[in-house]
Amino acid sequence: MRNYFDKNLIQQVFNSNEFKGWLLSRRWFGDKSSLSNLAFRVTISYFKIVSERIFLTIIEINTQEYTKSYFLPLIYYEKIQDILEPREKTSGNIVKLTENTYSKMVALNVYDKQKEKILSLNLVEGEYCVFFWKSMLFDKKITETFPALSMELTLYSEQFEDEINMIKVRTLIEASLYPERYEYGLEQLGGGNTTNLLFSLKIYEKNANKEPISYILKSYKDYSGSLEPRTLFVLVKNNFPNTPKIYGTIKLQGKETIGILEDVSNIGNLGDIYWNEVNKMIYDVFKRVNDDYSYLNNKEEISNLIKKHCVESLKVSETIGFQIKKLHKALILTDDPLYSKEMVDSKNYLKNYTDNLNSMVTKILNYTSKKSEGAFYNSPKITSIFLDIKDIIEKFRSEFDIEQITIQPVHQDLHFQQILYNKNKDDYTFYFIDFEGDPQLSQEERKAKFPIEKDLASFLRSLSYIKFNTLINFIEKKIVDKNKFEVPAEFLFSLYFRKASKISKKHKTLEIALNLLNLWEKKLMGKIFDKKSLKLHFVLVNYFTIERTLYELNYELLFRPNNVIIPVLGLKEIIDKN
């Protein structure tokens, strides 16, 4: 069957509007808004058929102003059951793979029989199937051809001294030498909402009464060379225990395309703690929205409520700042220029940053002005926020009176979902994940160094998102009149921008709920910013908070317009405080 396909045929398929539409539906495929008219060309810069069914491709997306490359391994199948292991043949998995399949009828010239053959070309991303991972990691016939394919499989063992991690690396090596001894199970992680495809692979030793060994498999879709494997290697070298270990990589033409990582035991991500406790507090306190809650105007009363309902949140907030400090220390490797500290002139550094932020504001204003005049973000009050934020940015720049700023490698995208946690009795263990850099930056820009305040600003924006999402959900469940088709975001907008002369009981309750959430946020920020844990320039924290909020606003405008109110109100709060 593989002889039917060649690069030219696949190139034609990739440039069909149907395939372009399928690409746009992929979570990892960026710049959806600018490419949504399908006026781009797909060029295959690398094409190899490995095994009977696997097409390894690197595709390049081109317009007049834009070029970007992606790693895109695909599996061809006629019947989906033919590419599945026994453990994968569940109805749910078959439905998921079918929904993610691109299908097209193609006509092939079968030369030996001098006639045309019509067949259905069904393509699914290779990473979704155990068949792909078994082939790429453990099939000797394929891995031995890697040098000829410009590929390199590396399994790390010498960096580990403890028995547990040595066993995990040895199991990978043994599975490649004796694949018949093992069975495999695959589960997608992140609900399909991750920028790169992420899976848990469990390796079971046949006829052995043992627990399977689990690994995280990560496919780096952006083919520009991820920094994450190198960063994880630095953290292992510095004996930092709070990130997943990296066990191996697959490079294609010198760039990492696959990472094999430790599957760290965890209960969930840090955001789960904050979200669950603050929501329980809101619904426990405000059971009936028409009751009198004037007693909550007392700060001591509110403080006691937060202490009562947010025990875990307060506890982890007391320690997480110190953990972030340890992370930043572990990211330094003095003999590696990419992972060293530097001192830079603050005036030049902030001048460049100010120009970039002002440019972002201008682009957002240009974008919103082209949208419907009825859109709430085109109101004069919202427009004034964008203009005021430019003044605030300049204020922060001019007030910063320290001559030099320390910059270093940082996480760049540090929010609550990037921190997993485990709990043993009252002790917490945290794991920092996803060291791929700021998704808004190019791959070259991600190699840059930043003040540590960039991470803290990003981290604190998670609190703001939880606060406003909690409030929006509360409005939807308790405040809006379902019969009037009222919109929760509009209620929130009115709370900040349209002060009515006559306030209903519901509106009064909403104001008190907002006050409670504001004090909740302030109290937790105070715990996180413990002076013993972190030494920060708060002007820089504010500066990078604006940057992060503008990034969020840009993202929400493009992909989740219903959430635009959250970063808009984040900017308004920064203005009001300054």
Protein backbone atom coordinates (compact mmCIF):
# COMPACT_ATOMS: atom_id res chain seq x y z
CA MET A 1 0.00 0.00 0.00
CA ARG A 2 2.83 2.43 0.81
CA ASN A 3 3.91 2.34 -2.86
CA TYR A 4 0.69 4.11 -3.82
CA PHE A 5 1.71 7.28 -2.00
CA ASP A 6 4.43 9.80 -2.67
CA LYS A 7 5.33 13.34 -1.65
CA ASN A 8 3.64 14.96 -4.66
CA LEU A 9 0.31 13.27 -3.98
CA ILE A 10 0.38 14.18 -0.28
CA GLN A 11 1.43 17.74 -1.19
CA GLN A 12 -1.70 18.08 -3.36
CA VAL A 13 -3.88 16.73 -0.55
CA PHE A 14 -2.32 19.11 1.98
CA ASN A 15 -3.16 22.11 -0.21
CA SER A 16 -6.83 21.25 -0.54
CA ASN A 17 -9.18 23.56 1.33
CA GLU A 18 -10.55 20.56 3.21
CA PHE A 19 -7.14 19.72 4.64
CA LYS A 20 -6.42 23.38 5.44
CA GLY A 21 -9.72 23.51 7.32
CA TRP A 22 -8.69 20.37 9.22
CA LEU A 23 -5.39 22.05 10.13
CA LEU A 24 -7.23 25.08 11.46
CA SER A 25 -9.27 22.80 13.73
CA ARG A 26 -6.08 21.55 15.43
CA ARG A 27 -5.39 23.13 18.82
CA TRP A 28 -1.65 23.36 18.10
CA PHE A 29 -2.12 25.18 14.79
CA GLY A 30 -1.48 28.86 15.55
CA ASP A 31 -2.56 32.16 14.00
CA LYS A 32 -6.06 30.91 13.26
CA SER A 33 -7.53 34.38 12.78
CA SER A 34 -5.04 35.52 10.12
CA LEU A 35 -5.17 32.18 8.27
CA SER A 36 -8.91 31.52 8.53
CA ASN A 37 -9.50 32.54 4.90
CA LEU A 38 -7.39 29.51 3.86
CA ALA A 39 -5.25 31.79 1.66
CA PHE A 40 -2.04 30.05 2.63
CA ARG A 41 0.13 27.42 1.02
CA VAL A 42 1.26 24.19 2.65
CA THR A 43 4.73 23.06 1.62
CA ILE A 44 6.14 19.70 2.69
CA SER A 45 9.77 20.33 3.62
CA TYR A 46 10.33 16.78 4.92
CA PHE A 47 8.54 13.59 3.89
CA LYS A 48 9.38 10.00 4.77
CA ILE A 49 7.22 6.89 4.92
CA VAL A 50 8.30 4.71 7.83
CA SER A 51 6.65 1.33 8.34
CA GLU A 52 3.57 0.57 6.27
CA ARG A 53 1.41 3.37 7.57
CA ILE A 54 3.40 6.21 9.16
CA PHE A 55 4.05 9.40 7.16
CA LEU A 56 6.65 11.59 8.86
CA THR A 57 6.25 15.14 7.60
CA ILE A 58 7.35 18.65 8.38
CA ILE A 59 4.99 21.15 6.84
CA GLU A 60 5.65 24.82 6.20
CA ILE A 61 2.75 27.29 6.23
CA ASN A 62 3.37 30.23 3.91
CA THR A 63 1.70 33.54 3.10
CA GLN A 64 3.33 36.70 1.74
CA GLU A 65 4.01 37.96 5.28
CA TYR A 66 4.20 34.72 7.27
CA THR A 67 6.12 31.44 7.50
CA LYS A 68 5.87 28.78 10.18
CA SER A 69 6.78 25.08 10.29
CA TYR A 70 5.11 22.19 12.12
CA PHE A 71 6.07 18.61 12.92
CA LEU A 72 3.17 16.51 11.60
CA PRO A 73 3.44 12.71 11.78
CA LEU A 74 0.38 11.01 10.31
CA ILE A 75 -0.93 7.45 10.22
CA TYR A 76 -2.81 6.21 7.16
CA TYR A 77 -5.52 3.61 7.67
CA GLU A 78 -8.33 1.88 5.80
CA LYS A 79 -10.10 0.45 8.86
CA ILE A 80 -9.38 2.21 12.13
CA GLN A 81 -9.23 -1.07 14.04
CA ASP A 82 -6.16 -2.00 11.96
CA ILE A 83 -3.99 0.62 13.69
CA LEU A 84 -5.14 0.03 17.27
CA GLU A 85 -3.72 -2.12 20.04
CA PRO A 86 -6.17 -4.30 22.04
CA ARG A 87 -6.21 -1.79 24.92
CA GLU A 88 -7.16 1.02 22.49
CA LYS A 89 -10.19 -0.69 20.98
CA THR A 90 -12.75 1.02 23.17
CA SER A 91 -15.78 2.73 21.70
CA GLY A 92 -14.78 6.09 23.21
CA ASN A 93 -11.28 5.96 21.74
CA ILE A 94 -12.54 4.86 18.31
CA VAL A 95 -15.02 7.76 18.26
CA LYS A 96 -12.30 10.24 19.30
CA LEU A 97 -9.90 9.03 16.60
CA THR A 98 -12.63 9.05 13.97
CA GLU A 99 -13.55 12.62 14.89
CA ASN A 100 -9.89 13.64 14.56
CA THR A 101 -9.39 11.91 11.21
CA TYR A 102 -9.00 13.75 7.93
CA SER A 103 -10.60 11.78 5.07
CA LYS A 104 -10.48 12.35 1.32
CA MET A 105 -11.24 10.18 -1.72
CA VAL A 106 -8.18 10.07 -4.00
CA ALA A 107 -7.60 8.58 -7.43
CA LEU A 108 -4.33 6.68 -7.88
CA ASN A 109 -2.72 5.37 -11.04
CA VAL A 110 -1.72 1.76 -10.43
CA TYR A 111 0.96 1.41 -13.09
CA ASP A 112 1.45 -2.35 -13.05
CA LYS A 113 -2.23 -2.86 -13.87
CA GLN A 114 -2.60 0.24 -16.07
CA LYS A 115 -5.75 1.38 -14.36
CA GLU A 116 -7.01 3.93 -11.87
CA LYS A 117 -7.68 2.99 -8.25
CA ILE A 118 -10.04 5.01 -6.03
CA LEU A 119 -9.47 4.82 -2.29
CA SER A 120 -10.31 6.71 0.85
CA LEU A 121 -7.25 8.43 2.34
CA ASN A 122 -7.82 8.45 6.10
CA LEU A 123 -5.17 10.32 8.07
CA VAL A 124 -4.93 10.72 11.84
CA GLU A 125 -2.15 12.39 13.82
CA GLY A 126 0.29 9.63 14.67
CA GLU A 127 0.66 10.62 18.32
CA TYR A 128 -2.90 9.47 19.09
CA CYS A 129 -2.00 5.81 18.55
CA VAL A 130 0.23 3.35 20.42
CA PHE A 131 1.22 2.06 16.98
CA PHE A 132 3.13 5.31 16.34
CA TRP A 133 4.95 5.31 19.67
CA LYS A 134 5.82 1.60 19.49
CA SER A 135 7.25 2.15 16.02
CA MET A 136 9.25 5.28 16.85
CA LEU A 137 10.57 4.18 20.25
CA PHE A 138 10.72 0.40 20.28
CA ASP A 139 10.75 -1.01 16.72
CA LYS A 140 14.42 -1.80 15.99
CA LYS A 141 13.79 -2.09 12.25
CA ILE A 142 12.68 1.54 12.27
CA THR A 143 15.00 3.03 14.90
CA GLU A 144 18.04 1.52 13.15
CA THR A 145 17.11 3.54 10.04
CA PHE A 146 16.98 6.82 12.00
CA PRO A 147 20.43 8.07 10.87
CA ALA A 148 19.38 7.73 7.22
CA LEU A 149 16.17 9.63 8.06
CA SER A 150 18.12 12.49 9.73
CA MET A 151 16.66 11.36 13.04
CA GLU A 152 18.22 10.67 16.43
CA LEU A 153 16.75 8.83 19.43
CA THR A 154 18.57 9.60 22.67
CA LEU A 155 17.80 7.95 26.02
CA TYR A 156 19.45 9.57 29.04
CA SER A 157 20.76 7.31 31.78
CA GLU A 158 24.05 8.73 33.02
CA GLN A 159 22.38 11.77 34.62
CA PHE A 160 20.45 9.64 37.12
CA GLU A 161 21.88 8.19 40.29
CA ASP A 162 18.71 7.00 42.06
CA GLU A 163 17.32 3.54 41.41
CA ILE A 164 13.76 4.62 40.54
CA ASN A 165 14.76 6.80 37.59
CA MET A 166 17.39 4.30 36.45
CA ILE A 167 14.68 1.60 36.29
CA LYS A 168 12.48 3.88 34.16
CA VAL A 169 15.25 4.52 31.65
CA ARG A 170 16.27 0.85 31.60
CA THR A 171 12.67 -0.18 30.91
CA LEU A 172 12.64 2.07 27.84
CA ILE A 173 15.88 0.48 26.64
CA GLU A 174 14.67 -3.07 27.31
CA ALA A 175 11.33 -2.40 25.57
CA SER A 176 13.28 -1.38 22.47
CA LEU A 177 15.44 -4.52 22.65
CA TYR A 178 12.66 -6.99 23.54
CA PRO A 179 9.35 -5.41 22.45
CA GLU A 180 7.54 -8.77 22.55
CA ARG A 181 7.82 -8.77 26.36
CA TYR A 182 5.63 -5.69 26.82
CA GLU A 183 2.15 -4.30 26.28
CA TYR A 184 1.28 -0.61 26.06
CA GLY A 185 -1.56 1.71 27.01
CA LEU A 186 -2.00 5.32 25.85
CA GLU A 187 -4.09 8.17 27.26
CA GLN A 188 -4.27 11.74 26.01
CA LEU A 189 -3.72 14.38 28.67
CA GLY A 190 -4.99 17.93 28.96
CA GLY A 191 -8.37 17.22 27.39
CA GLY A 192 -6.98 18.10 23.95
CA ASN A 193 -6.50 21.71 25.05
CA THR A 194 -2.70 21.70 25.11
CA THR A 195 -0.62 23.53 22.51
CA ASN A 196 1.54 20.44 22.05
CA LEU A 197 0.11 16.93 22.03
CA LEU A 198 0.57 15.29 25.42
CA PHE A 199 0.05 11.63 26.31
CA SER A 200 0.60 9.20 29.15
CA LEU A 201 2.19 5.93 28.01
CA LYS A 202 1.96 2.94 30.33
CA ILE A 203 4.32 0.02 29.71
CA TYR A 204 3.14 -3.33 31.08
CA GLU A 205 5.51 -6.27 31.38
CA LYS A 206 3.68 -9.36 30.11
CA ASN A 207 3.04 -12.21 32.55
CA ALA A 208 4.40 -10.15 35.43
CA ASN A 209 2.35 -9.11 38.42
CA LYS A 210 3.78 -5.58 38.46
CA GLU A 211 2.39 -2.09 38.26
CA PRO A 212 2.99 -0.56 34.82
CA ILE A 213 5.64 2.12 34.42
CA SER A 214 4.19 5.38 33.17
CA TYR A 215 5.82 8.09 31.04
CA ILE A 216 4.69 11.40 29.60
CA LEU A 217 5.17 11.64 25.84
CA LYS A 218 5.23 15.15 24.42
CA SER A 219 5.14 16.03 20.74
CA TYR A 220 6.59 19.49 20.01
CA LYS A 221 4.44 20.60 17.10
CA ASP A 222 6.13 23.95 16.46
CA TYR A 223 9.14 22.87 14.40
CA SER A 224 11.52 25.61 15.49
CA GLY A 225 13.29 23.76 18.29
CA SER A 226 11.79 23.63 21.78
CA LEU A 227 13.94 24.77 24.70
CA GLU A 228 12.09 22.51 27.14
CA PRO A 229 14.31 19.38 26.89
CA ARG A 230 17.42 21.47 27.44
CA THR A 231 15.84 23.34 30.34
CA LEU A 232 14.71 20.12 32.02
CA PHE A 233 18.21 18.75 31.59
CA VAL A 234 19.60 21.85 33.37
CA LEU A 235 17.13 21.39 36.23
CA VAL A 236 18.14 17.72 36.61
CA LYS A 237 21.79 18.73 36.55
CA ASN A 238 21.09 21.21 39.37
CA ASN A 239 19.32 18.47 41.37
CA PHE A 240 16.02 20.37 41.36
CA PRO A 241 13.42 17.81 42.49
CA ASN A 242 10.26 19.71 41.57
CA THR A 243 10.05 19.21 37.80
CA PRO A 244 9.54 16.08 35.70
CA LYS A 245 12.79 14.35 34.75
CA ILE A 246 13.56 14.01 31.06
CA TYR A 247 14.40 10.47 29.95
CA GLY A 248 14.90 10.92 26.25
CA THR A 249 14.23 12.82 23.04
CA ILE A 250 13.76 12.22 19.35
CA LYS A 251 15.36 14.83 17.12
CA LEU A 252 14.43 15.31 13.49
CA GLN A 253 17.03 17.18 11.45
CA GLY A 254 18.65 18.35 14.69
CA LYS A 255 15.49 19.71 16.34
CA GLU A 256 13.59 18.10 19.22
CA THR A 257 10.22 16.80 18.07
CA ILE A 258 9.48 14.26 20.84
CA GLY A 259 10.20 14.39 24.57
CA ILE A 260 9.96 11.40 26.93
CA LEU A 261 9.32 12.76 30.43
CA GLU A 262 8.68 11.50 33.92
CA ASP A 263 5.03 11.03 34.86
CA VAL A 264 4.99 12.70 38.27
CA SER A 265 2.40 11.59 40.78
CA ASN A 266 -0.07 14.41 41.43
CA ILE A 267 -3.57 15.19 42.67
CA GLY A 268 -4.14 18.07 40.29
CA ASN A 269 -2.87 21.53 39.47
CA LEU A 270 -2.51 24.41 41.89
CA GLY A 271 -5.49 26.22 40.42
CA ASP A 272 -7.81 23.43 41.59
CA ILE A 273 -7.12 24.34 45.23
CA TYR A 274 -7.87 28.04 44.80
CA TRP A 275 -10.85 27.49 42.50
CA ASN A 276 -12.59 24.88 44.66
CA GLU A 277 -12.19 26.77 47.92
CA VAL A 278 -13.17 30.22 46.69
CA ASN A 279 -16.24 28.86 44.90
CA LYS A 280 -17.37 26.93 47.95
CA MET A 281 -16.91 30.09 50.04
CA ILE A 282 -19.00 32.24 47.66
CA TYR A 283 -21.91 29.80 47.51
CA ASP A 284 -21.80 29.04 51.23
CA VAL A 285 -21.89 32.75 52.12
CA PHE A 286 -24.35 34.00 49.49
CA LYS A 287 -27.03 31.32 49.64
CA ARG A 288 -29.89 33.73 48.97
CA VAL A 289 -29.02 36.81 46.93
CA ASN A 290 -31.83 38.96 48.36
CA ASP A 291 -30.64 38.61 51.97
CA ASP A 292 -28.93 41.41 53.85
CA TYR A 293 -25.12 41.00 53.71
CA SER A 294 -24.20 44.41 55.07
CA TYR A 295 -22.29 42.71 57.92
CA LEU A 296 -19.65 41.83 55.32
CA ASN A 297 -18.61 45.47 55.11
CA ASN A 298 -16.47 44.68 58.15
CA LYS A 299 -12.94 43.74 57.04
CA GLU A 300 -12.31 41.61 60.09
CA GLU A 301 -15.50 39.63 59.38
CA ILE A 302 -14.37 39.06 55.79
CA SER A 303 -10.87 38.07 56.91
CA ASN A 304 -12.35 35.46 59.24
CA LEU A 305 -14.50 34.08 56.40
CA ILE A 306 -11.44 33.70 54.18
CA LYS A 307 -9.47 31.98 56.96
CA LYS A 308 -12.36 29.59 57.53
CA HIS A 309 -13.06 28.66 53.91
CA CYS A 310 -9.64 28.92 52.24
CA VAL A 311 -7.39 26.90 54.54
CA GLU A 312 -5.48 25.09 51.76
CA SER A 313 -5.21 28.20 49.57
CA LEU A 314 -3.64 30.17 52.40
CA LYS A 315 -1.26 27.36 53.25
CA VAL A 316 0.06 26.81 49.72
CA SER A 317 0.30 30.59 49.21
CA GLU A 318 2.68 30.76 52.18
CA THR A 319 5.06 28.26 50.55
CA ILE A 320 4.70 28.69 46.79
CA GLY A 321 6.72 31.92 46.67
CA PHE A 322 9.68 30.11 48.22
CA GLN A 323 9.27 27.26 45.70
CA ILE A 324 9.31 29.72 42.79
CA LYS A 325 12.47 31.26 44.24
CA LYS A 326 14.12 27.80 44.31
CA LEU A 327 13.03 27.21 40.72
CA HIS A 328 14.66 30.45 39.56
CA LYS A 329 17.86 29.52 41.35
CA ALA A 330 17.88 26.06 39.73
CA LEU A 331 17.50 27.58 36.24
CA ILE A 332 21.00 29.07 36.54
CA LEU A 333 23.92 27.16 35.06
CA THR A 334 26.90 29.50 35.10
CA ASP A 335 28.96 27.66 32.45
CA ASP A 336 26.08 27.77 29.94
CA PRO A 337 25.56 31.25 28.39
CA LEU A 338 21.88 30.49 27.74
CA TYR A 339 21.28 29.76 31.44
CA SER A 340 23.37 32.42 33.16
CA LYS A 341 22.43 35.67 34.92
CA GLU A 342 23.12 39.08 33.41
CA MET A 343 22.89 42.72 34.46
CA VAL A 344 21.40 45.13 31.93
CA ASP A 345 20.88 48.87 31.82
CA SER A 346 17.36 49.50 33.13
CA LYS A 347 16.67 52.59 31.01
CA ASN A 348 17.34 50.88 27.69
CA TYR A 349 15.65 47.66 28.76
CA LEU A 350 12.44 49.36 29.91
CA LYS A 351 12.45 51.75 26.95
CA ASN A 352 12.37 48.79 24.55
CA TYR A 353 9.71 47.08 26.64
CA THR A 354 7.62 50.24 26.78
CA ASP A 355 7.73 50.56 23.00
CA ASN A 356 6.60 46.93 22.64
CA LEU A 357 3.72 47.36 25.09
CA ASN A 358 2.54 50.57 23.44
CA SER A 359 2.66 48.79 20.09
CA MET A 360 0.48 46.01 21.54
CA VAL A 361 -2.08 48.54 22.79
CA THR A 362 -2.18 50.23 19.38
CA LYS A 363 -2.72 46.90 17.60
CA ILE A 364 -5.54 45.97 19.99
CA LEU A 365 -7.21 49.35 19.43
CA ASN A 366 -6.93 48.91 15.65
CA TYR A 367 -8.40 45.42 15.88
CA THR A 368 -11.35 46.39 18.08
CA SER A 369 -12.16 49.46 15.96
CA LYS A 370 -12.77 47.19 12.95
CA LYS A 371 -15.32 45.11 14.84
CA SER A 372 -19.03 45.77 15.25
CA GLU A 373 -19.81 49.17 16.73
CA GLY A 374 -22.21 47.46 19.13
CA ALA A 375 -19.44 45.38 20.72
CA PHE A 376 -19.00 46.45 24.33
CA TYR A 377 -15.23 46.79 23.97
CA ASN A 378 -15.80 49.62 21.48
CA SER A 379 -17.50 51.75 24.13
CA PRO A 380 -15.69 55.01 25.04
CA LYS A 381 -15.12 53.74 28.59
CA ILE A 382 -13.22 50.70 27.33
CA THR A 383 -11.27 52.75 24.80
CA SER A 384 -10.24 55.13 27.57
CA ILE A 385 -8.75 52.17 29.47
CA PHE A 386 -6.40 51.46 26.59
CA LEU A 387 -5.33 55.09 26.47
CA ASP A 388 -4.90 55.29 30.25
CA ILE A 389 -2.82 52.13 30.33
CA LYS A 390 -0.29 53.78 28.03
CA ASP A 391 0.08 56.55 30.61
CA ILE A 392 0.51 53.99 33.39
CA ILE A 393 3.19 52.15 31.41
CA GLU A 394 5.10 55.40 30.97
CA LYS A 395 4.61 56.19 34.67
CA PHE A 396 6.17 52.87 35.70
CA ARG A 397 9.07 53.36 33.28
CA SER A 398 9.88 56.85 34.48
CA GLU A 399 9.56 55.95 38.19
CA PHE A 400 11.98 53.03 38.03
CA ASP A 401 15.13 54.55 39.52
CA ILE A 402 17.44 51.51 39.78
CA GLU A 403 20.27 51.67 37.26
CA GLN A 404 20.52 47.97 36.44
CA ILE A 405 18.13 45.04 36.22
CA THR A 406 19.06 41.39 36.74
CA ILE A 407 17.80 39.13 33.99
CA GLN A 408 18.01 35.32 33.82
CA PRO A 409 16.21 32.27 32.41
CA VAL A 410 12.66 32.11 33.79
CA HIS A 411 9.62 29.93 33.15
CA GLN A 412 7.91 32.72 31.10
CA ASP A 413 4.41 31.19 31.24
CA LEU A 414 4.03 30.46 34.93
CA HIS A 415 0.37 30.14 35.87
CA PHE A 416 -1.54 27.86 38.25
CA GLN A 417 -2.09 25.09 35.69
CA GLN A 418 1.66 24.86 35.15
CA ILE A 419 2.16 23.75 38.76
CA LEU A 420 1.05 20.25 39.76
CA TYR A 421 0.83 19.28 43.39
CA ASN A 422 0.75 16.23 45.59
CA LYS A 423 -0.15 16.02 49.26
CA ASN A 424 1.00 13.71 52.02
CA LYS A 425 -0.95 14.48 55.20
CA ASP A 426 -0.33 18.23 55.57
CA ASP A 427 2.78 18.42 53.41
CA TYR A 428 2.64 19.60 49.81
CA THR A 429 4.97 18.74 46.94
CA PHE A 430 4.90 20.95 43.84
CA TYR A 431 5.99 20.16 40.28
CA PHE A 432 6.60 22.89 37.71
CA ILE A 433 5.80 21.79 34.16
CA ASP A 434 5.78 23.12 30.55
CA PHE A 435 9.10 24.91 30.09
CA GLU A 436 8.37 25.89 26.50
CA GLY A 437 8.46 29.63 27.09
CA ASP A 438 5.94 32.40 26.55
CA PRO A 439 3.55 31.18 23.80
CA GLN A 440 3.18 34.76 22.55
CA LEU A 441 6.89 34.97 21.67
CA SER A 442 8.79 33.57 18.73
CA GLN A 443 11.16 30.67 19.37
CA GLU A 444 14.16 33.01 19.21
CA GLU A 445 12.51 35.43 21.65
CA ARG A 446 11.85 32.57 24.07
CA LYS A 447 15.60 32.12 24.42
CA ALA A 448 15.82 35.61 25.94
CA LYS A 449 16.31 36.26 29.65
CA PHE A 450 13.91 38.22 31.82
CA PRO A 451 13.60 39.64 35.33
CA ILE A 452 12.03 37.08 37.69
CA GLU A 453 9.13 39.54 38.07
CA LYS A 454 7.85 38.30 34.69
CA ASP A 455 7.02 34.93 36.26
CA LEU A 456 5.41 36.46 39.33
CA ALA A 457 3.21 38.75 37.24
CA SER A 458 2.09 35.78 35.14
CA PHE A 459 1.45 33.73 38.27
CA LEU A 460 -0.66 36.43 39.93
CA ARG A 461 -2.84 36.86 36.84
CA SER A 462 -4.15 33.37 37.63
CA LEU A 463 -5.70 34.76 40.82
CA SER A 464 -7.43 37.48 38.81
CA TYR A 465 -8.85 34.94 36.34
CA ILE A 466 -10.16 32.77 39.14
CA LYS A 467 -11.71 35.80 40.83
CA PHE A 468 -13.56 37.02 37.75
CA ASN A 469 -14.57 33.56 36.51
CA THR A 470 -15.98 32.83 39.97
CA LEU A 471 -17.92 36.08 39.81
CA ILE A 472 -19.23 35.42 36.28
CA ASN A 473 -20.41 31.92 37.27
CA PHE A 474 -22.06 33.34 40.40
CA ILE A 475 -23.85 35.97 38.29
CA GLU A 476 -25.05 33.29 35.87
CA LYS A 477 -26.38 31.02 38.63
CA LYS A 478 -27.72 33.54 41.12
CA ILE A 479 -28.14 36.99 39.57
CA VAL A 480 -29.30 36.98 35.94
CA ASP A 481 -32.93 36.59 34.99
CA LYS A 482 -32.98 33.59 32.65
CA ASN A 483 -36.27 34.76 31.13
CA LYS A 484 -34.68 38.03 30.00
CA PHE A 485 -31.66 36.41 28.34
CA GLU A 486 -29.32 38.52 30.43
CA VAL A 487 -25.58 38.06 29.88
CA PRO A 488 -23.29 37.60 32.94
CA ALA A 489 -20.42 39.57 31.34
CA GLU A 490 -22.78 42.53 30.82
CA PHE A 491 -23.71 42.45 34.50
CA LEU A 492 -20.04 42.49 35.40
CA PHE A 493 -19.45 45.38 32.99
CA SER A 494 -22.30 47.32 34.61
CA LEU A 495 -20.87 46.70 38.06
CA TYR A 496 -17.67 48.52 37.10
CA PHE A 497 -18.86 51.09 34.56
CA ARG A 498 -22.56 51.90 34.94
CA LYS A 499 -23.47 53.04 38.40
CA ALA A 500 -27.25 53.00 38.70
CA SER A 501 -28.97 55.55 40.93
CA LYS A 502 -31.21 52.84 42.33
CA ILE A 503 -29.45 49.62 43.36
CA SER A 504 -31.45 46.40 43.67
CA LYS A 505 -30.83 43.80 46.36
CA LYS A 506 -29.17 41.57 43.77
CA HIS A 507 -26.79 44.31 42.70
CA LYS A 508 -25.94 45.10 46.30
CA THR A 509 -25.16 41.42 46.96
CA LEU A 510 -22.99 41.36 43.84
CA GLU A 511 -21.02 44.40 45.03
CA ILE A 512 -20.39 42.74 48.40
CA ALA A 513 -19.37 39.48 46.67
CA LEU A 514 -16.88 41.44 44.56
CA ASN A 515 -15.53 43.13 47.68
CA LEU A 516 -15.07 39.72 49.33
CA LEU A 517 -13.23 38.40 46.27
CA ASN A 518 -11.01 41.49 46.09
CA LEU A 519 -9.96 41.00 49.70
CA TRP A 520 -9.46 37.29 49.05
CA GLU A 521 -7.12 38.14 46.17
CA LYS A 522 -5.25 40.76 48.20
CA LYS A 523 -4.81 38.42 51.17
CA LEU A 524 -3.42 35.59 49.04
CA MET A 525 -1.11 37.97 47.16
CA GLY A 526 0.26 39.10 50.51
CA LYS A 527 1.02 35.49 51.44
CA ILE A 528 2.70 34.78 48.09
CA PHE A 529 4.77 37.97 48.26
CA ASP A 530 6.25 37.12 51.64
CA LYS A 531 9.41 39.24 51.93
CA LYS A 532 11.34 36.29 53.34
CA SER A 533 10.63 34.27 50.18
CA LEU A 534 10.96 36.83 47.40
CA LYS A 535 12.84 40.06 46.85
CA LEU A 536 11.01 41.86 44.07
CA HIS A 537 10.77 45.24 42.37
CA PHE A 538 7.04 45.89 42.52
CA VAL A 539 7.22 48.43 39.71
CA LEU A 540 8.48 45.57 37.51
CA VAL A 541 5.76 43.25 38.80
CA ASN A 542 3.17 45.84 37.73
CA TYR A 543 4.98 46.36 34.45
CA PHE A 544 4.93 42.67 33.55
CA THR A 545 1.36 42.33 34.85
CA ILE A 546 0.30 44.83 32.19
CA GLU A 547 2.21 42.86 29.56
CA ARG A 548 0.56 39.60 30.61
CA THR A 549 -2.90 41.19 30.70
CA LEU A 550 -2.46 42.62 27.19
CA TYR A 551 -1.42 39.17 25.95
CA GLU A 552 -4.54 37.71 27.57
CA LEU A 553 -6.72 40.38 26.02
CA ASN A 554 -5.29 39.71 22.58
CA TYR A 555 -5.88 35.97 23.02
CA GLU A 556 -9.46 36.39 24.23
CA LEU A 557 -10.32 38.77 21.39
CA LEU A 558 -9.16 36.18 18.87
CA PHE A 559 -10.38 32.95 20.40
CA ARG A 560 -12.79 33.54 23.34
CA PRO A 561 -14.57 36.90 22.88
CA ASN A 562 -16.96 36.09 25.74
CA ASN A 563 -13.98 36.26 28.13
CA VAL A 564 -12.69 39.66 26.97
CA ILE A 565 -14.22 41.30 30.05
CA ILE A 566 -11.68 39.54 32.33
CA PRO A 567 -8.43 41.09 31.01
CA VAL A 568 -10.26 44.41 30.40
CA LEU A 569 -11.19 44.58 34.09
CA GLY A 570 -7.66 43.47 34.96
CA LEU A 571 -6.34 46.56 33.15
CA LYS A 572 -8.95 48.77 34.84
CA GLU A 573 -7.87 47.53 38.27
CA ILE A 574 -4.24 48.37 37.48
CA ILE A 575 -5.28 51.88 36.44
CA ASP A 576 -7.48 52.39 39.51
CA LYS A 577 -4.66 51.34 41.85
CA ASN A 578 -2.17 53.69 40.21
